[in-house]
Amino acid sequence: MDSTLQSRSSQASSQQVNKSCPPAHIVLGKEGELIAKKYLHLQGFMGYAENVHVGRDEIDLIVFDRKEKILVFVEVKTRRYKSENFRPEFNFTFDKQEKFERAVEMWMMERKCECRYRLDLICVAGGEVVDHFRNITF
C-alpha cells in the first residue's frame, strides 16, 4: 500500500473511532446527569423526562417534586473533582441561564402547560451532588 493510501486509511479509521466515542466533557456531563437523577429519586422526586431538546436548547432533567407538588426543570453542572476554585455552578454562565430559561418557557408554551413550576440547579463534583439550588431566578 502506498503511503498516501495508508495515511488516508489511518485518518478514516481514527475518524470512525472519534464518531463512536463522545468527547470527554460530554461523557462527564452524562455521568453528572445520572448522579443528579439518582439523587433526585432518593429525595422523592419523580422522573418525567431527560435531555429534552427544545429548539437549539436542552433541558437536562424534568422531574416532579411530590412534596411541593410542582414540576421542576433541572440544569446539571458537573466537575470531575471537588475544588473551591472550580465549583460546578461557576460554569452556569449568564448565557447558559438564558438558554435554560428560554427552553423551559418554550417547553411550557408548546404544551400549553399552566402548572406551577420552578427551575433548579444541581451541582455534581467528585462523583456526588455537592449543591442543589432550588428555585433559581435570573
N, C-alpha and C. Protein backbone atom coordinates (compact mmCIF):
# COMPACT_ATOMS: atom_id res chain seq x y z
N MET A 1 0.86 -1.17 0.00
CA MET A 1 0.00 0.00 0.00
C MET A 1 0.90 1.23 0.00
N ASP A 2 0.60 2.19 -0.89
CA ASP A 2 1.47 3.36 -0.91
C ASP A 2 1.16 4.26 0.30
N SER A 3 2.07 5.17 0.60
CA SER A 3 1.97 5.95 1.83
C SER A 3 0.75 6.87 1.85
N THR A 4 0.30 7.37 0.69
CA THR A 4 -0.88 8.23 0.64
C THR A 4 -2.12 7.44 1.02
N LEU A 5 -2.28 6.23 0.46
CA LEU A 5 -3.44 5.40 0.79
C LEU A 5 -3.41 4.98 2.25
N GLN A 6 -2.21 4.66 2.72
CA GLN A 6 -2.07 4.24 4.11
C GLN A 6 -2.46 5.39 5.05
N SER A 7 -2.04 6.60 4.73
CA SER A 7 -2.36 7.76 5.54
C SER A 7 -3.87 8.01 5.54
N ARG A 8 -4.52 7.93 4.38
CA ARG A 8 -5.97 8.15 4.29
C ARG A 8 -6.72 7.07 5.05
N SER A 9 -6.25 5.84 4.95
CA SER A 9 -6.88 4.74 5.66
C SER A 9 -6.78 4.96 7.17
N SER A 10 -5.62 5.42 7.62
CA SER A 10 -5.40 5.68 9.04
C SER A 10 -6.30 6.82 9.51
N GLN A 11 -6.43 7.89 8.70
CA GLN A 11 -7.29 9.01 9.06
C GLN A 11 -8.75 8.56 9.13
N ALA A 12 -9.18 7.75 8.17
CA ALA A 12 -10.56 7.28 8.14
C ALA A 12 -10.87 6.45 9.36
N SER A 13 -9.96 5.56 9.75
CA SER A 13 -10.23 4.72 10.92
C SER A 13 -10.24 5.55 12.20
N SER A 14 -9.38 6.57 12.31
CA SER A 14 -9.40 7.40 13.52
C SER A 14 -10.66 8.26 13.56
N GLN A 15 -11.19 8.67 12.40
CA GLN A 15 -12.44 9.42 12.38
C GLN A 15 -13.59 8.53 12.82
N GLN A 16 -13.57 7.25 12.42
CA GLN A 16 -14.62 6.34 12.84
C GLN A 16 -14.59 6.15 14.36
N VAL A 17 -13.41 6.04 14.92
CA VAL A 17 -13.28 5.89 16.37
C VAL A 17 -13.81 7.14 17.06
N ASN A 18 -13.45 8.32 16.54
CA ASN A 18 -13.92 9.56 17.15
C ASN A 18 -15.43 9.70 17.10
N LYS A 19 -16.07 9.19 16.05
CA LYS A 19 -17.52 9.27 15.94
C LYS A 19 -18.20 8.39 16.97
N SER A 20 -17.59 7.27 17.31
CA SER A 20 -18.22 6.37 18.26
C SER A 20 -17.92 6.75 19.72
N CYS A 21 -16.90 7.54 19.96
CA CYS A 21 -16.53 7.95 21.31
C CYS A 21 -16.82 9.43 21.48
N PRO A 22 -17.83 9.78 22.31
CA PRO A 22 -18.12 11.20 22.51
C PRO A 22 -16.97 11.88 23.26
N PRO A 23 -16.85 13.19 23.10
CA PRO A 23 -15.80 13.93 23.81
C PRO A 23 -15.93 13.75 25.33
N ALA A 24 -14.82 13.90 26.02
CA ALA A 24 -14.77 13.67 27.47
C ALA A 24 -15.76 14.54 28.23
N HIS A 25 -15.94 15.81 27.81
CA HIS A 25 -16.86 16.68 28.54
C HIS A 25 -18.31 16.23 28.39
N ILE A 26 -18.64 15.60 27.27
CA ILE A 26 -20.00 15.07 27.07
C ILE A 26 -20.21 13.86 27.99
N VAL A 27 -19.22 12.99 28.05
CA VAL A 27 -19.30 11.80 28.92
C VAL A 27 -19.44 12.25 30.37
N LEU A 28 -18.63 13.22 30.79
CA LEU A 28 -18.69 13.72 32.16
C LEU A 28 -20.07 14.33 32.46
N GLY A 29 -20.60 15.08 31.52
CA GLY A 29 -21.92 15.67 31.70
C GLY A 29 -23.00 14.63 31.86
N LYS A 30 -22.93 13.57 31.06
CA LYS A 30 -23.92 12.48 31.17
C LYS A 30 -23.79 11.76 32.50
N GLU A 31 -22.56 11.57 32.97
CA GLU A 31 -22.34 10.95 34.29
C GLU A 31 -22.96 11.82 35.38
N GLY A 32 -22.76 13.13 35.28
CA GLY A 32 -23.33 14.06 36.26
C GLY A 32 -24.84 14.02 36.26
N GLU A 33 -25.44 13.94 35.07
CA GLU A 33 -26.90 13.87 34.97
C GLU A 33 -27.43 12.59 35.62
N LEU A 34 -26.73 11.50 35.44
CA LEU A 34 -27.14 10.23 36.06
C LEU A 34 -27.06 10.33 37.58
N ILE A 35 -25.99 10.93 38.09
CA ILE A 35 -25.84 11.11 39.54
C ILE A 35 -26.95 12.01 40.07
N ALA A 36 -27.26 13.09 39.35
CA ALA A 36 -28.32 14.01 39.77
C ALA A 36 -29.68 13.31 39.74
N LYS A 37 -29.90 12.49 38.73
CA LYS A 37 -31.17 11.76 38.62
C LYS A 37 -31.35 10.81 39.81
N LYS A 38 -30.30 10.09 40.18
CA LYS A 38 -30.37 9.18 41.34
C LYS A 38 -30.61 9.97 42.62
N TYR A 39 -29.93 11.09 42.76
CA TYR A 39 -30.09 11.95 43.93
C TYR A 39 -31.54 12.42 44.04
N LEU A 40 -32.11 12.89 42.94
CA LEU A 40 -33.49 13.38 42.95
C LEU A 40 -34.47 12.27 43.31
N HIS A 41 -34.22 11.08 42.78
CA HIS A 41 -35.08 9.93 43.10
C HIS A 41 -35.05 9.65 44.60
N LEU A 42 -33.85 9.67 45.19
CA LEU A 42 -33.71 9.42 46.63
C LEU A 42 -34.37 10.52 47.46
N GLN A 43 -34.48 11.72 46.89
CA GLN A 43 -35.13 12.84 47.57
C GLN A 43 -36.65 12.82 47.41
N GLY A 44 -37.17 11.84 46.65
CA GLY A 44 -38.61 11.71 46.49
C GLY A 44 -39.18 12.33 45.23
N PHE A 45 -38.31 12.81 44.35
CA PHE A 45 -38.78 13.38 43.09
C PHE A 45 -39.13 12.24 42.13
N MET A 46 -40.07 12.49 41.26
CA MET A 46 -40.46 11.50 40.27
C MET A 46 -39.96 11.97 38.90
N GLY A 47 -39.21 11.11 38.22
CA GLY A 47 -38.68 11.45 36.91
C GLY A 47 -39.76 11.61 35.87
N TYR A 48 -39.59 12.60 35.01
CA TYR A 48 -40.55 12.84 33.93
C TYR A 48 -39.86 12.73 32.57
N ALA A 49 -38.74 13.43 32.40
CA ALA A 49 -38.02 13.39 31.12
C ALA A 49 -36.57 13.80 31.35
N GLU A 50 -35.72 13.44 30.39
CA GLU A 50 -34.32 13.84 30.45
C GLU A 50 -33.81 14.17 29.06
N ASN A 51 -32.83 15.06 29.03
CA ASN A 51 -32.22 15.51 27.77
C ASN A 51 -33.27 15.92 26.75
N VAL A 52 -34.13 16.83 27.16
CA VAL A 52 -35.22 17.30 26.31
C VAL A 52 -34.72 18.44 25.44
N HIS A 53 -34.77 18.24 24.13
CA HIS A 53 -34.34 19.28 23.19
C HIS A 53 -35.53 20.16 22.83
N VAL A 54 -35.33 21.45 22.98
CA VAL A 54 -36.34 22.44 22.65
C VAL A 54 -35.66 23.46 21.75
N GLY A 55 -35.96 23.39 20.45
CA GLY A 55 -35.22 24.24 19.51
C GLY A 55 -33.74 23.90 19.57
N ARG A 56 -32.90 24.91 19.76
CA ARG A 56 -31.45 24.70 19.85
C ARG A 56 -31.01 24.40 21.28
N ASP A 57 -31.93 24.49 22.22
CA ASP A 57 -31.60 24.37 23.63
C ASP A 57 -31.97 23.00 24.18
N GLU A 58 -31.52 22.76 25.41
CA GLU A 58 -31.79 21.46 26.04
C GLU A 58 -32.09 21.65 27.52
N ILE A 59 -33.01 20.84 28.00
CA ILE A 59 -33.30 20.77 29.43
C ILE A 59 -32.76 19.42 29.90
N ASP A 60 -31.87 19.45 30.90
CA ASP A 60 -31.23 18.21 31.34
C ASP A 60 -32.24 17.23 31.94
N LEU A 61 -33.01 17.68 32.92
CA LEU A 61 -33.97 16.81 33.59
C LEU A 61 -35.27 17.57 33.86
N ILE A 62 -36.37 16.86 33.74
CA ILE A 62 -37.66 17.38 34.18
C ILE A 62 -38.20 16.36 35.17
N VAL A 63 -38.50 16.83 36.38
CA VAL A 63 -38.97 15.94 37.43
C VAL A 63 -40.18 16.57 38.12
N PHE A 64 -40.86 15.77 38.91
CA PHE A 64 -41.99 16.26 39.69
C PHE A 64 -41.64 16.14 41.15
N ASP A 65 -41.73 17.26 41.87
CA ASP A 65 -41.48 17.28 43.31
C ASP A 65 -42.77 16.90 44.01
N ARG A 66 -42.82 15.69 44.52
CA ARG A 66 -44.05 15.16 45.13
C ARG A 66 -44.43 15.91 46.41
N LYS A 67 -43.42 16.37 47.15
CA LYS A 67 -43.70 17.08 48.40
C LYS A 67 -44.37 18.42 48.13
N GLU A 68 -43.81 19.17 47.19
CA GLU A 68 -44.33 20.50 46.90
C GLU A 68 -45.36 20.49 45.77
N LYS A 69 -45.54 19.34 45.14
CA LYS A 69 -46.49 19.18 44.03
C LYS A 69 -46.24 20.24 42.95
N ILE A 70 -45.02 20.20 42.44
CA ILE A 70 -44.60 21.19 41.45
C ILE A 70 -43.66 20.54 40.43
N LEU A 71 -43.77 20.96 39.19
CA LEU A 71 -42.89 20.49 38.14
C LEU A 71 -41.55 21.22 38.27
N VAL A 72 -40.45 20.47 38.15
CA VAL A 72 -39.12 21.06 38.35
C VAL A 72 -38.27 20.81 37.11
N PHE A 73 -37.71 21.88 36.57
CA PHE A 73 -36.78 21.80 35.45
C PHE A 73 -35.38 21.94 36.03
N VAL A 74 -34.52 20.98 35.70
CA VAL A 74 -33.21 20.91 36.35
C VAL A 74 -32.09 21.06 35.33
N GLU A 75 -31.16 21.95 35.65
CA GLU A 75 -29.91 22.07 34.92
C GLU A 75 -28.84 21.43 35.79
N VAL A 76 -28.01 20.58 35.20
CA VAL A 76 -26.95 19.89 35.94
C VAL A 76 -25.60 20.40 35.45
N LYS A 77 -24.76 20.79 36.38
CA LYS A 77 -23.39 21.19 36.07
C LYS A 77 -22.44 20.26 36.81
N THR A 78 -21.45 19.76 36.10
CA THR A 78 -20.58 18.72 36.65
C THR A 78 -19.10 19.08 36.52
N ARG A 79 -18.36 18.76 37.56
CA ARG A 79 -16.89 18.84 37.55
C ARG A 79 -16.38 17.47 37.98
N ARG A 80 -15.26 17.08 37.41
CA ARG A 80 -14.70 15.77 37.76
C ARG A 80 -14.24 15.73 39.22
N TYR A 81 -13.64 16.84 39.69
CA TYR A 81 -13.08 16.88 41.04
C TYR A 81 -13.70 18.01 41.85
N LYS A 82 -13.73 17.85 43.15
CA LYS A 82 -14.19 18.91 44.04
C LYS A 82 -13.07 19.93 44.20
N SER A 83 -13.42 21.20 44.03
CA SER A 83 -12.45 22.27 44.22
C SER A 83 -13.20 23.56 44.49
N GLU A 84 -12.81 24.25 45.54
CA GLU A 84 -13.44 25.53 45.85
C GLU A 84 -13.19 26.56 44.75
N ASN A 85 -12.09 26.41 44.04
CA ASN A 85 -11.75 27.36 42.97
C ASN A 85 -12.46 27.08 41.65
N PHE A 86 -12.98 25.87 41.48
CA PHE A 86 -13.64 25.48 40.23
C PHE A 86 -14.95 24.76 40.54
N ARG A 87 -15.85 25.47 41.19
CA ARG A 87 -17.14 24.88 41.56
C ARG A 87 -18.01 24.74 40.32
N PRO A 88 -18.85 23.71 40.26
CA PRO A 88 -19.68 23.48 39.07
C PRO A 88 -20.56 24.68 38.69
N GLU A 89 -21.11 25.36 39.69
CA GLU A 89 -22.01 26.48 39.37
C GLU A 89 -21.31 27.64 38.68
N PHE A 90 -19.98 27.70 38.77
CA PHE A 90 -19.24 28.75 38.06
C PHE A 90 -19.42 28.62 36.55
N ASN A 91 -19.75 27.42 36.10
CA ASN A 91 -19.94 27.19 34.68
C ASN A 91 -21.38 27.47 34.22
N PHE A 92 -22.23 27.87 35.14
CA PHE A 92 -23.61 28.22 34.79
C PHE A 92 -23.63 29.71 34.48
N THR A 93 -23.12 30.04 33.32
CA THR A 93 -22.94 31.42 32.90
C THR A 93 -24.28 32.09 32.60
N PHE A 94 -24.24 33.39 32.44
CA PHE A 94 -25.46 34.14 32.12
C PHE A 94 -26.07 33.63 30.82
N ASP A 95 -25.24 33.37 29.80
CA ASP A 95 -25.75 32.84 28.53
C ASP A 95 -26.44 31.49 28.73
N LYS A 96 -25.85 30.63 29.53
CA LYS A 96 -26.46 29.31 29.79
C LYS A 96 -27.76 29.46 30.58
N GLN A 97 -27.80 30.41 31.50
CA GLN A 97 -29.02 30.68 32.24
C GLN A 97 -30.14 31.12 31.30
N GLU A 98 -29.80 32.02 30.38
CA GLU A 98 -30.80 32.49 29.42
C GLU A 98 -31.32 31.35 28.54
N LYS A 99 -30.42 30.50 28.07
CA LYS A 99 -30.82 29.37 27.23
C LYS A 99 -31.73 28.40 28.01
N PHE A 100 -31.38 28.16 29.26
CA PHE A 100 -32.17 27.27 30.11
C PHE A 100 -33.58 27.84 30.30
N GLU A 101 -33.64 29.10 30.66
CA GLU A 101 -34.94 29.73 30.86
C GLU A 101 -35.76 29.75 29.57
N ARG A 102 -35.12 30.03 28.44
CA ARG A 102 -35.81 30.04 27.15
C ARG A 102 -36.36 28.66 26.82
N ALA A 103 -35.57 27.61 27.07
CA ALA A 103 -36.01 26.25 26.80
C ALA A 103 -37.23 25.89 27.64
N VAL A 104 -37.20 26.27 28.91
CA VAL A 104 -38.33 25.98 29.80
C VAL A 104 -39.58 26.72 29.33
N GLU A 105 -39.44 27.99 29.01
CA GLU A 105 -40.59 28.77 28.54
C GLU A 105 -41.18 28.18 27.25
N MET A 106 -40.31 27.78 26.32
CA MET A 106 -40.79 27.18 25.08
C MET A 106 -41.48 25.85 25.34
N TRP A 107 -40.91 25.03 26.22
CA TRP A 107 -41.49 23.73 26.56
C TRP A 107 -42.89 23.92 27.14
N MET A 108 -43.02 24.89 28.04
CA MET A 108 -44.32 25.16 28.67
C MET A 108 -45.33 25.66 27.62
N MET A 109 -44.89 26.54 26.75
CA MET A 109 -45.79 27.08 25.72
C MET A 109 -46.24 26.00 24.74
N GLU A 110 -45.32 25.17 24.29
CA GLU A 110 -45.64 24.11 23.33
C GLU A 110 -46.71 23.17 23.89
N ARG A 111 -46.72 22.98 25.18
CA ARG A 111 -47.67 22.05 25.81
C ARG A 111 -48.87 22.76 26.41
N LYS A 112 -48.88 24.08 26.24
CA LYS A 112 -49.95 24.90 26.84
C LYS A 112 -50.12 24.56 28.33
N CYS A 113 -49.00 24.35 28.96
CA CYS A 113 -48.97 23.94 30.36
C CYS A 113 -49.05 25.19 31.25
N GLU A 114 -49.99 25.19 32.14
CA GLU A 114 -50.16 26.32 33.05
C GLU A 114 -49.93 25.90 34.50
N CYS A 115 -49.22 24.81 34.69
CA CYS A 115 -48.97 24.31 36.03
C CYS A 115 -47.86 25.12 36.70
N ARG A 116 -47.78 24.97 38.01
CA ARG A 116 -46.70 25.61 38.76
C ARG A 116 -45.38 24.89 38.43
N TYR A 117 -44.31 25.67 38.37
CA TYR A 117 -43.01 25.07 38.10
C TYR A 117 -41.92 25.92 38.72
N ARG A 118 -40.74 25.31 38.80
CA ARG A 118 -39.57 26.05 39.26
C ARG A 118 -38.34 25.55 38.51
N LEU A 119 -37.27 26.32 38.60
CA LEU A 119 -36.01 25.98 37.97
C LEU A 119 -34.98 25.69 39.06
N ASP A 120 -34.32 24.55 38.97
CA ASP A 120 -33.30 24.16 39.93
C ASP A 120 -31.96 23.95 39.23
N LEU A 121 -30.90 24.13 39.98
CA LEU A 121 -29.54 23.85 39.50
C LEU A 121 -28.93 22.83 40.45
N ILE A 122 -28.47 21.71 39.88
CA ILE A 122 -27.79 20.68 40.68
C ILE A 122 -26.33 20.65 40.26
N CYS A 123 -25.46 20.72 41.25
CA CYS A 123 -24.02 20.73 41.02
C CYS A 123 -23.43 19.40 41.48
N VAL A 124 -22.67 18.77 40.59
CA VAL A 124 -22.05 17.48 40.86
C VAL A 124 -20.53 17.67 40.75
N ALA A 125 -19.81 17.16 41.73
CA ALA A 125 -18.35 17.20 41.70
C ALA A 125 -17.81 15.99 42.44
N GLY A 126 -16.76 15.41 41.89
CA GLY A 126 -16.16 14.25 42.54
C GLY A 126 -17.11 13.07 42.65
N GLY A 127 -18.06 12.99 41.72
CA GLY A 127 -18.97 11.84 41.69
C GLY A 127 -20.17 11.92 42.63
N GLU A 128 -20.42 13.13 43.20
CA GLU A 128 -21.58 13.27 44.08
C GLU A 128 -22.19 14.66 43.97
N VAL A 129 -23.45 14.76 44.37
CA VAL A 129 -24.11 16.06 44.37
C VAL A 129 -23.53 16.88 45.52
N VAL A 130 -23.02 18.07 45.17
CA VAL A 130 -22.42 18.94 46.19
C VAL A 130 -23.32 20.13 46.52
N ASP A 131 -24.24 20.48 45.63
CA ASP A 131 -25.19 21.55 45.88
C ASP A 131 -26.46 21.33 45.08
N HIS A 132 -27.57 21.75 45.66
CA HIS A 132 -28.87 21.73 44.96
C HIS A 132 -29.50 23.09 45.23
N PHE A 133 -29.44 23.95 44.21
CA PHE A 133 -30.03 25.28 44.32
C PHE A 133 -31.46 25.20 43.80
N ARG A 134 -32.41 25.48 44.68
CA ARG A 134 -33.83 25.40 44.32
C ARG A 134 -34.36 26.77 43.96
N ASN A 135 -35.27 26.75 42.98
CA ASN A 135 -35.96 27.96 42.58
C ASN A 135 -35.00 29.10 42.21
N ILE A 136 -34.07 28.78 41.34
CA ILE A 136 -33.11 29.80 40.91
C ILE A 136 -33.86 30.82 40.06
N THR A 137 -33.49 32.06 40.21
CA THR A 137 -34.11 33.13 39.44
C THR A 137 -33.01 33.96 38.79
N PHE A 138 -33.40 34.63 37.74
CA PHE A 138 -32.42 35.41 36.98
C PHE A 138 -32.75 36.89 37.07
